[in-house]
Protein backbone atom coordinates (compact mmCIF):
# COMPACT_ATOMS: atom_id res chain seq x y z
CA MET A 1 97.14 57.12 -140.26
CA SER A 2 99.37 58.05 -143.32
CA LYS A 3 103.07 58.12 -143.64
CA ASN A 4 103.13 61.71 -143.64
CA ASP A 5 101.16 61.47 -140.23
CA GLY A 6 103.69 59.26 -138.90
CA LYS A 7 106.48 61.68 -139.99
CA GLU A 8 104.58 64.82 -138.07
CA LEU A 9 103.98 62.69 -134.99
CA LYS A 10 107.53 61.67 -134.73
CA GLU A 11 108.69 65.20 -135.09
CA LYS A 12 106.32 66.24 -132.52
CA LEU A 13 107.02 63.29 -129.90
CA PHE A 14 110.64 62.46 -130.21
CA ALA A 15 113.57 64.64 -128.56
CA ASP A 16 115.59 66.75 -131.25
CA ASN A 17 118.44 64.70 -131.94
CA SER A 18 119.93 66.59 -135.18
CA ASN A 19 123.12 68.02 -135.81
CA GLY A 20 123.09 71.55 -134.36
CA TRP A 21 124.83 72.84 -137.34
CA GLU A 22 121.99 72.28 -139.60
CA ASN A 23 119.84 75.08 -140.77
CA LEU A 24 121.66 77.96 -139.04
CA SER A 25 121.46 81.17 -140.19
CA ASP A 26 124.30 83.19 -141.63
CA GLU A 27 124.23 85.54 -138.49
CA GLU A 28 124.19 82.64 -136.18
CA LEU A 29 127.06 80.97 -137.90
CA LYS A 30 129.08 84.39 -137.89
CA ASN A 31 128.37 84.51 -134.09
CA ILE A 32 129.56 81.09 -133.25
CA PHE A 33 132.79 81.54 -135.12
CA GLN A 34 133.52 84.77 -133.77
CA PHE A 35 132.82 83.69 -130.34
CA ALA A 36 135.00 80.64 -130.77
CA ASP A 37 137.97 83.01 -131.82
CA GLU A 38 137.46 84.98 -128.57
CA TYR A 39 137.47 81.88 -126.53
CA MET A 40 140.58 80.48 -128.05
CA TYR A 41 142.46 83.58 -127.40
CA TYR A 42 141.25 83.50 -123.74
CA LEU A 43 142.72 79.93 -123.74
CA ASN A 44 146.02 80.65 -125.00
CA THR A 45 146.60 83.57 -122.39
CA SER A 46 145.12 81.71 -119.52
CA LYS A 47 146.73 78.27 -118.78
CA THR A 48 146.66 77.99 -115.09
CA GLU A 49 144.09 79.17 -112.44
CA LYS A 50 146.12 82.31 -111.59
CA GLU A 51 146.21 83.56 -115.16
CA ILE A 52 142.54 82.58 -115.66
CA VAL A 53 141.78 84.71 -112.43
CA GLN A 54 143.94 87.50 -113.64
CA ASN A 55 142.58 87.67 -116.92
CA SER A 56 138.97 87.44 -116.01
CA LYS A 57 139.53 90.32 -113.48
CA GLU A 58 140.84 92.37 -116.31
CA ILE A 59 137.70 91.55 -118.37
CA LEU A 60 135.43 92.19 -115.49
CA LEU A 61 137.07 95.77 -114.72
CA LYS A 62 136.84 96.63 -118.51
CA ASN A 63 133.07 96.01 -118.20
CA GLY A 64 132.09 98.00 -115.37
CA PHE A 65 132.59 95.61 -112.38
CA VAL A 66 134.28 96.90 -109.18
CA ASP A 67 135.99 95.20 -106.05
CA VAL A 68 133.27 94.87 -103.61
CA SER A 69 135.58 96.26 -100.81
CA GLU A 70 135.43 99.54 -102.53
CA ILE A 71 131.45 99.87 -102.11
CA GLU A 72 129.92 100.44 -98.87
CA THR A 73 126.19 99.85 -99.94
CA LEU A 74 124.86 97.94 -102.90
CA LYS A 75 121.96 98.63 -104.96
CA PRO A 76 120.15 96.92 -108.10
CA GLY A 77 122.22 97.00 -111.17
CA ASP A 78 125.82 97.34 -109.12
CA LYS A 79 128.34 94.87 -110.47
CA VAL A 80 131.05 93.55 -108.26
CA PHE A 81 133.62 90.87 -107.84
CA TYR A 82 136.02 89.39 -105.10
CA VAL A 83 139.34 87.72 -105.70
CA ASN A 84 140.27 84.73 -103.42
CA ARG A 85 143.94 84.35 -102.88
CA GLY A 86 144.50 84.97 -106.70
CA ARG A 87 143.11 81.48 -107.54
CA CYS A 88 139.23 82.10 -107.42
CA ILE A 89 137.14 84.88 -108.53
CA TYR A 90 133.28 85.64 -107.83
CA SER A 91 131.47 88.38 -109.35
CA ALA A 92 127.82 89.41 -109.12
CA VAL A 93 125.08 91.61 -110.55
CA ILE A 94 122.77 92.89 -107.84
CA GLY A 95 119.09 92.19 -108.44
CA THR A 96 116.04 93.91 -107.83
CA ASP A 97 114.72 91.44 -105.45
CA SER A 98 115.83 90.91 -101.77
CA LEU A 99 119.11 88.75 -101.82
CA GLU A 100 117.31 86.71 -99.10
CA ASN A 101 115.16 85.28 -101.91
CA GLY A 102 118.05 83.66 -103.29
CA PHE A 103 120.75 83.99 -106.06
CA ASN A 104 121.07 82.58 -109.51
CA ILE A 105 124.69 81.20 -109.69
CA VAL A 106 126.68 79.64 -112.47
CA ALA A 107 129.85 78.00 -111.03
CA ALA A 108 132.73 76.76 -112.96
CA HIS A 109 136.42 75.76 -111.84
CA CYS A 110 139.67 76.99 -113.45
CA ASP A 111 142.04 74.18 -112.30
CA SER A 112 143.11 71.41 -114.90
CA PRO A 113 145.07 68.36 -114.78
CA ARG A 114 148.83 69.14 -115.02
CA ILE A 115 152.20 68.30 -113.66
CA ASP A 116 153.37 70.09 -110.62
CA LEU A 117 157.02 70.57 -109.44
CA LYS A 118 157.93 68.95 -106.13
CA GLN A 119 159.32 71.11 -103.56
CA LYS A 120 162.90 70.04 -104.17
CA PRO A 121 162.72 69.47 -107.87
CA LEU A 122 165.96 70.03 -109.57
CA TYR A 123 168.57 67.34 -109.82
CA GLU A 124 171.34 66.05 -112.15
CA ASP A 125 171.60 62.69 -113.52
CA ASN A 126 174.56 61.59 -115.87
CA ASN A 127 174.96 65.25 -116.89
CA LEU A 128 171.36 65.99 -117.46
CA GLY A 129 169.41 68.54 -115.77
CA MET A 130 165.93 67.10 -114.45
CA LEU A 131 163.01 68.20 -112.46
CA LYS A 132 161.08 65.99 -110.09
CA THR A 133 157.29 66.29 -110.43
CA HIS A 134 153.82 65.27 -108.88
CA TYR A 135 151.03 65.18 -111.45
CA TYR A 136 147.74 66.94 -110.37
CA GLY A 137 144.40 65.46 -111.08
CA GLY A 138 143.24 62.49 -113.18
CA ILE A 139 145.42 61.98 -116.03
CA LYS A 140 146.82 59.31 -118.30
CA LYS A 141 150.43 59.73 -117.47
CA TYR A 142 151.78 58.33 -120.77
CA GLN A 143 149.98 61.18 -122.54
CA TRP A 144 152.24 63.64 -120.91
CA THR A 145 155.61 62.28 -122.27
CA ASN A 146 157.24 63.42 -125.38
CA ILE A 147 155.07 66.76 -126.06
CA PRO A 148 156.40 70.16 -125.37
CA LEU A 149 155.76 71.53 -122.13
CA SER A 150 155.62 75.18 -120.92
CA MET A 151 156.48 76.36 -117.42
CA HIS A 152 154.02 78.81 -115.43
CA GLY A 153 154.03 79.84 -111.96
CA THR A 154 155.25 81.83 -109.02
CA VAL A 155 158.05 81.93 -106.72
CA VAL A 156 157.60 83.79 -103.35
CA LYS A 157 160.60 84.92 -101.21
CA PRO A 158 160.51 85.05 -97.55
CA ASN A 159 160.65 88.83 -97.95
CA GLY A 160 157.27 88.72 -99.59
CA GLU A 161 158.71 89.33 -103.18
CA LYS A 162 156.83 87.35 -105.96
CA ILE A 163 158.42 86.27 -109.07
CA ASN A 164 156.15 85.15 -111.89
CA ILE A 165 157.66 82.71 -114.61
CA CYS A 166 156.26 81.78 -118.04
CA ILE A 167 158.68 80.07 -120.12
CA GLY A 168 157.68 78.13 -123.35
CA GLU A 169 154.84 80.10 -124.77
CA LYS A 170 156.73 82.70 -127.00
CA ASP A 171 158.08 81.60 -130.47
CA ASP A 172 161.51 82.06 -129.21
CA ASP A 173 161.14 80.44 -125.89
CA PRO A 174 162.55 77.10 -124.89
CA VAL A 175 160.37 74.33 -124.09
CA PHE A 176 160.73 71.25 -121.72
CA THR A 177 159.52 67.51 -122.08
CA ILE A 178 159.32 64.08 -120.20
CA SER A 179 161.14 61.90 -122.40
CA ASP A 180 159.52 58.23 -122.87
CA LEU A 181 161.63 55.02 -123.53
CA LEU A 182 162.34 54.39 -127.20
CA PRO A 183 160.13 51.35 -128.40
CA HIS A 184 163.44 49.28 -129.36
CA LEU A 185 164.24 48.97 -125.67
CA ALA A 186 160.76 48.95 -124.27
CA GLN A 187 159.98 45.32 -124.15
CA GLU A 188 159.78 45.34 -120.32
CA GLN A 189 158.01 48.54 -120.36
CA MET A 190 155.31 47.19 -122.96
CA GLU A 191 154.42 44.42 -120.46
CA ARG A 192 153.25 46.71 -117.97
CA LYS A 193 149.36 47.40 -117.66
CA LEU A 194 148.49 50.60 -119.51
CA LYS A 195 147.87 52.76 -116.16
CA ASP A 196 151.48 51.97 -115.34
CA GLY A 197 153.23 52.23 -118.71
CA VAL A 198 154.58 55.55 -117.34
CA GLN A 199 154.56 55.53 -113.54
CA GLY A 200 154.56 58.85 -111.43
CA GLU A 201 158.13 58.75 -110.37
CA GLU A 202 159.02 58.59 -114.05
CA LEU A 203 157.52 61.75 -114.92
CA ASN A 204 160.81 63.77 -114.62
CA VAL A 205 161.29 66.75 -116.86
CA LEU A 206 164.52 67.24 -119.18
CA VAL A 207 165.49 71.15 -118.55
CA GLY A 208 169.26 71.34 -119.54
CA SER A 209 172.48 69.72 -120.31
CA ILE A 210 175.49 72.31 -120.22
CA PRO A 211 177.69 72.05 -117.36
CA TYR A 212 179.20 75.15 -115.48
CA ASP A 213 182.54 75.76 -116.51
CA SER A 214 184.68 74.70 -113.33
CA ASP A 215 186.76 71.89 -112.67
CA GLU A 216 186.26 72.45 -108.89
CA VAL A 217 182.53 71.42 -108.27
CA SER A 218 180.32 68.69 -108.64
CA GLU A 219 176.75 68.50 -110.42
CA LYS A 220 177.91 71.21 -113.02
CA VAL A 221 174.75 70.99 -115.24
CA LYS A 222 172.54 71.53 -112.04
CA LEU A 223 174.84 74.51 -111.04
CA ASN A 224 174.57 75.93 -114.40
CA ILE A 225 170.83 75.78 -114.46
CA LEU A 226 170.61 77.26 -110.97
CA LYS A 227 172.96 80.13 -112.15
CA LEU A 228 170.75 81.02 -115.28
CA LEU A 229 167.69 81.08 -113.07
CA ASN A 230 169.59 83.24 -110.52
CA GLU A 231 170.64 85.59 -113.12
CA LYS A 232 167.08 85.87 -114.68
CA TYR A 233 164.85 85.73 -111.65
CA GLY A 234 167.06 86.05 -108.58
CA ILE A 235 165.96 82.81 -107.13
CA LYS A 236 167.99 80.10 -105.33
CA GLU A 237 167.45 76.34 -105.17
CA ILE A 238 165.61 76.88 -101.61
CA ASP A 239 163.17 79.21 -103.24
CA PHE A 240 161.57 76.25 -104.81
CA MET A 241 160.10 75.42 -101.44
CA SER A 242 157.94 78.48 -101.52
CA SER A 243 156.87 78.30 -105.22
CA GLU A 244 153.84 77.03 -107.20
CA ILE A 245 155.08 76.13 -110.57
CA GLU A 246 153.07 74.04 -113.05
CA LEU A 247 154.07 72.24 -116.42
CA VAL A 248 151.43 72.29 -118.82
CA PRO A 249 151.31 71.63 -122.82
CA ALA A 250 152.82 74.36 -124.70
CA PHE A 251 150.12 73.77 -127.64
CA LYS A 252 148.28 76.69 -128.76
CA ALA A 253 144.36 76.52 -128.91
CA LYS A 254 143.43 75.84 -132.66
CA SER A 255 140.61 75.40 -134.88
CA MET A 256 140.18 71.61 -135.77
CA GLY A 257 138.75 69.85 -138.83
CA PHE A 258 138.53 70.81 -142.47
CA ASP A 259 135.30 72.67 -141.48
CA TYR A 260 136.86 74.61 -138.74
CA SER A 261 134.11 73.27 -136.63
CA MET A 262 135.91 72.15 -133.41
CA ILE A 263 138.43 73.65 -131.05
CA SER A 264 141.41 71.59 -129.79
CA ALA A 265 143.25 73.05 -126.86
CA TYR A 266 144.55 72.06 -123.41
CA GLY A 267 142.57 72.79 -120.22
CA GLN A 268 139.09 73.07 -121.90
CA ASP A 269 137.85 71.23 -118.75
CA ASP A 270 136.74 73.57 -117.35
CA LYS A 271 138.34 76.73 -119.00
CA VAL A 272 135.30 76.32 -121.49
CA CYS A 273 132.72 76.94 -118.71
CA CYS A 274 134.73 79.51 -116.95
CA TYR A 275 134.77 81.77 -120.33
CA THR A 276 131.03 80.93 -121.21
CA ALA A 277 129.84 81.90 -117.64
CA LEU A 278 132.14 85.07 -117.56
CA ARG A 279 130.85 86.14 -120.94
CA ALA A 280 127.39 85.40 -119.83
CA ILE A 281 127.33 87.57 -116.72
CA LEU A 282 128.86 90.71 -118.47
CA GLU A 283 125.74 90.95 -120.45
CA VAL A 284 123.26 90.76 -117.25
CA ASN A 285 121.77 94.21 -116.40
CA GLN A 286 119.12 94.60 -113.69
CA PRO A 287 118.09 90.97 -113.15
CA LYS A 288 115.18 90.24 -110.72
CA THR A 289 117.45 87.82 -108.90
CA THR A 290 120.98 88.55 -108.05
CA ALA A 291 123.24 86.96 -110.54
CA LEU A 292 126.57 85.30 -109.58
CA CYS A 293 129.40 83.93 -111.61
CA VAL A 294 131.81 81.63 -109.61
CA ILE A 295 135.34 80.57 -110.85
CA THR A 296 136.82 78.32 -108.43
CA ASP A 297 139.95 76.14 -107.68
CA LYS A 298 140.97 72.73 -106.67
CA GLU A 299 137.89 70.72 -108.26
CA GLU A 300 140.22 68.20 -109.98
CA VAL A 301 141.57 67.29 -106.69
CA GLY A 302 138.31 67.06 -104.42
CA PHE A 303 137.08 70.57 -103.85
CA ASN A 304 139.24 70.92 -100.77
CA GLY A 305 141.71 73.77 -99.67
CA VAL A 306 141.16 77.33 -98.94
CA THR A 307 140.46 77.83 -102.76
CA GLY A 308 138.22 75.01 -103.12
CA MET A 309 134.36 75.01 -102.90
CA TYR A 310 134.33 73.35 -99.51
CA ALA A 311 135.88 76.42 -98.29
CA ARG A 312 133.67 79.05 -96.66
CA ILE A 313 135.22 81.91 -98.53
CA PHE A 314 132.45 81.93 -100.87
CA ASP A 315 130.11 82.11 -98.13
CA THR A 316 131.76 85.12 -96.86
CA PHE A 317 131.31 86.83 -100.39
CA ALA A 318 127.73 86.00 -100.28
CA LEU A 319 127.38 87.21 -96.55
CA GLU A 320 129.04 90.64 -97.75
CA LEU A 321 126.48 90.92 -100.62
CA LEU A 322 123.69 90.44 -98.20
CA GLU A 323 125.02 92.86 -95.58
CA LYS A 324 125.78 95.45 -98.20
CA THR A 325 122.05 95.42 -99.38
CA GLY A 326 120.48 95.53 -95.90
CA CYS A 327 119.93 91.75 -95.18
CA THR A 328 121.71 91.50 -91.73
CA LYS A 329 119.75 88.93 -89.90
CA ALA A 330 121.55 85.97 -88.59
CA SER A 331 119.47 83.71 -90.89
CA SER A 332 119.87 85.87 -93.98
CA LEU A 333 122.50 83.72 -95.49
CA ASP A 334 120.97 80.28 -94.92
CA LYS A 335 117.52 81.72 -96.32
CA ALA A 336 119.50 82.97 -99.29
CA PHE A 337 121.08 79.78 -100.09
CA SER A 338 117.95 77.70 -99.46
CA ASN A 339 116.13 79.85 -102.34
CA THR A 340 119.27 79.73 -104.58
CA LYS A 341 119.40 77.95 -107.97
CA ALA A 342 122.62 76.99 -109.28
CA LEU A 343 124.09 75.44 -112.11
CA SER A 344 127.41 73.51 -111.79
CA ALA A 345 129.21 74.62 -114.87
CA ASP A 346 131.15 71.67 -115.79
CA VAL A 347 132.06 69.51 -118.98
CA ASP A 348 130.83 66.16 -119.81
CA ALA A 349 132.42 63.28 -121.89
CA ALA A 350 131.55 63.34 -125.51
CA TYR A 351 131.10 60.31 -127.35
CA ASN A 352 134.22 58.94 -129.09
CA PRO A 353 133.64 56.54 -132.02
CA ASN A 354 137.20 55.02 -131.34
CA PHE A 355 136.08 53.83 -127.84
CA ALA A 356 132.36 53.23 -128.35
CA PHE A 357 132.29 50.35 -125.85
CA ALA A 358 132.63 52.93 -122.96
CA PHE A 359 129.44 54.72 -123.74
CA GLU A 360 125.67 53.93 -123.46
CA LYS A 361 124.75 55.70 -126.82
CA ASN A 362 121.18 56.50 -125.63
CA ASN A 363 122.33 58.48 -122.62
CA THR A 364 125.70 59.91 -123.78
CA ALA A 365 126.73 63.58 -124.65
CA TYR A 366 127.55 64.24 -128.45
CA LEU A 367 129.40 67.04 -130.13
CA ASN A 368 127.44 69.42 -131.99
CA LYS A 369 124.16 68.62 -130.13
CA GLY A 370 124.32 71.46 -127.47
CA MET A 371 125.27 71.93 -123.85
CA THR A 372 124.96 68.92 -121.50
CA VAL A 373 122.23 68.80 -118.87
CA VAL A 374 123.32 66.19 -116.27
CA LYS A 375 120.83 65.38 -113.63
CA TYR A 376 123.18 63.30 -111.56
CA THR A 377 126.80 62.41 -111.49
CA GLY A 378 128.63 60.11 -109.11
CA THR A 379 129.86 56.50 -109.51
CA ARG A 380 128.31 53.02 -109.82
CA GLY A 381 125.03 53.55 -107.84
CA LYS A 382 125.01 57.24 -107.86
CA SER A 383 127.40 57.35 -105.08
CA GLY A 384 128.75 60.81 -104.46
CA ALA A 385 125.86 62.27 -106.57
CA SER A 386 123.94 65.28 -106.20
CA GLU A 387 120.82 64.81 -108.11
CA ALA A 388 118.96 67.58 -109.12
CA PRO A 389 115.06 67.82 -108.51
CA ALA A 390 112.81 67.34 -111.66
CA GLU A 391 111.07 70.59 -110.95
CA PHE A 392 114.37 72.57 -111.41
CA VAL A 393 115.41 70.49 -114.55
CA ALA A 394 111.89 71.56 -115.98
CA GLU A 395 112.43 75.21 -115.15
CA LEU A 396 115.83 75.04 -116.87
CA ARG A 397 114.31 73.45 -119.87
CA LYS A 398 111.76 76.35 -119.99
CA ILE A 399 114.58 78.83 -119.87
CA PHE A 400 116.87 77.14 -122.39
CA ASP A 401 114.00 76.80 -124.81
CA GLU A 402 112.71 80.40 -124.76
CA ALA A 403 116.53 81.38 -125.25
CA GLY A 404 116.91 79.14 -128.33
CA ALA A 405 119.75 77.51 -126.54
CA ARG A 406 120.23 73.97 -127.68
CA TYR A 407 120.67 71.26 -124.97
CA GLN A 408 120.94 67.51 -124.52
CA ALA A 409 120.58 65.14 -121.67
CA CYS A 410 123.45 62.74 -120.73
CA GLU A 411 125.40 61.11 -118.06
CA LEU A 412 128.90 60.11 -117.84
CA GLY A 413 129.57 56.75 -119.67
CA ARG A 414 128.11 53.27 -118.97
CA VAL A 415 127.00 52.29 -115.50
CA ASP A 416 129.82 50.65 -113.59
CA LYS A 417 132.52 51.81 -116.26
CA GLY A 418 133.74 54.77 -113.94
CA GLY A 419 132.15 57.99 -113.12
CA GLY A 420 132.90 61.18 -111.53
CA GLY A 421 131.86 64.29 -109.49
CA THR A 422 131.60 67.97 -109.87
CA ILE A 423 131.29 70.90 -107.31
CA ALA A 424 127.37 70.30 -107.64
CA LEU A 425 127.37 68.57 -104.01
CA THR A 426 129.34 71.40 -102.60
CA LEU A 427 126.52 73.75 -103.64
CA ALA A 428 123.78 71.13 -102.82
CA ASN A 429 125.15 70.82 -99.38
CA ARG A 430 124.56 74.58 -98.77
CA GLY A 431 120.84 74.05 -99.56
CA MET A 432 120.83 75.15 -103.17
CA ASP A 433 119.08 73.42 -105.96
CA VAL A 434 121.63 72.52 -108.55
CA VAL A 435 122.28 70.83 -111.67
CA ASP A 436 125.38 70.08 -113.88
CA VAL A 437 125.02 72.14 -117.25
CA GLY A 438 128.22 72.22 -119.36
CA VAL A 439 129.98 71.38 -122.60
CA PRO A 440 130.91 68.03 -124.22
CA VAL A 441 134.45 67.31 -124.54
CA MET A 442 136.20 64.50 -126.33
CA GLY A 443 139.67 63.49 -124.89
CA MET A 444 138.99 64.94 -121.40
CA HIS A 445 141.92 65.34 -119.30
CA SER A 446 144.34 64.86 -121.92
CA PRO A 447 147.04 67.22 -123.23
CA TYR A 448 144.69 68.21 -125.90
CA GLU A 449 140.88 68.35 -125.46
CA ILE A 450 138.12 68.67 -128.25
CA THR A 451 135.12 70.82 -128.12
CA SER A 452 132.60 71.86 -130.74
CA LYS A 453 132.13 75.56 -131.45
CA PHE A 454 128.40 75.22 -131.64
CA ASP A 455 128.30 73.45 -128.26
CA VAL A 456 130.53 76.22 -126.63
CA TYR A 457 128.09 78.96 -128.08
CA GLN A 458 125.04 77.29 -126.71
CA ALA A 459 126.55 77.13 -123.33
CA TYR A 460 127.04 80.88 -123.39
CA LYS A 461 123.46 81.32 -124.48
CA GLY A 462 122.18 79.21 -121.98
CA TYR A 463 124.26 80.70 -118.95
CA LYS A 464 123.15 84.15 -120.06
CA ALA A 465 119.58 83.19 -120.11
CA PHE A 466 119.69 81.77 -116.73
CA LEU A 467 121.55 84.40 -115.02
CA GLN A 468 119.12 87.13 -116.47
């Protein structure tokens, strides 16, 4: 066998491990960068789950989707959506086949790690106004100090009035921060283990320092802050009790690198999959199998609650689709789910050269090599995993190959190093074939995560091919 024969044999038998940017056409490059710009705009205007759902709803409406409650009967080609409590949105394009034969689902989550306010947050400490917080999701707490934070959320009064708050995103807005201890005085702190370098009850946000002008009251700074909030929003201290207020990084999504090849932004886990899945279903027309895009909440804290995927609200939406297409048997929903194929659209950890010890290089995800296909998640001995059948993975490979959507096989880090889970198991428990397909992210769960523009575009292509 000649050397040239060996080269040809290697190209034939080895998996493609090349950098995705190589040998791209000018048109493909243009499409990738344009898509990335649109995605970054979405990121900058959609930092919380409610903002994602509201913006996604507006996009769906502009593209011919209607609220499912407005239609009595559904026919092939109809495009509908349903909003669950402003925190989840499910959209569908009705297929030509009976819905009892199943759906094609791409399901992502819109919640991201963040800092939430406690129910009684505001206090004063030595003439400084502070807010008590409770972090949400898995974070390295020290990463959230000494960075600009913006405040997003809703206050609901007993009379039903809702007040939306967004402070820190405009150029002339103030920002907030959690101040860490200066290194000169941090000898004792530096002796702590890294995970305890900043503790949960030390994540207090600095929000003001001017006292109310009166000699007759105490807590003058707190009073002045409440006065300002009352004047602008009409709220009192007790109104924090019925509020949902989040603190997120005030950073804007930006292109990263001399070559503009990457995206750095807060919350790409899992907004990158929300956006690519949403864009994919916009382009689905007259599919054989009914296509669903699911954007859900509460993944970062275990899928629970009325807006998490353990809730039966999604089932109610699926049942409504079945009933409005004439599938009204008692077994229709179970039949549909048992014939359904789903992608749990969630991100995976990208290889980080600074911390190579955490990755098994042969089975990790890499930037610029396409979307990730994760056959199983879980921890240690696949605990908590939902392992996809080989037959379904093979079917996906065929779909992605025919669409020219680049993909890579991976798992989350070295065995016994850690692990994690996704909403895949909540779908599998309903009887669906499901596999995790997402985008590699470097610095996941940090205030500033990194993705490759190439990979983001491949996810969009792959989701669109699967749904269609």
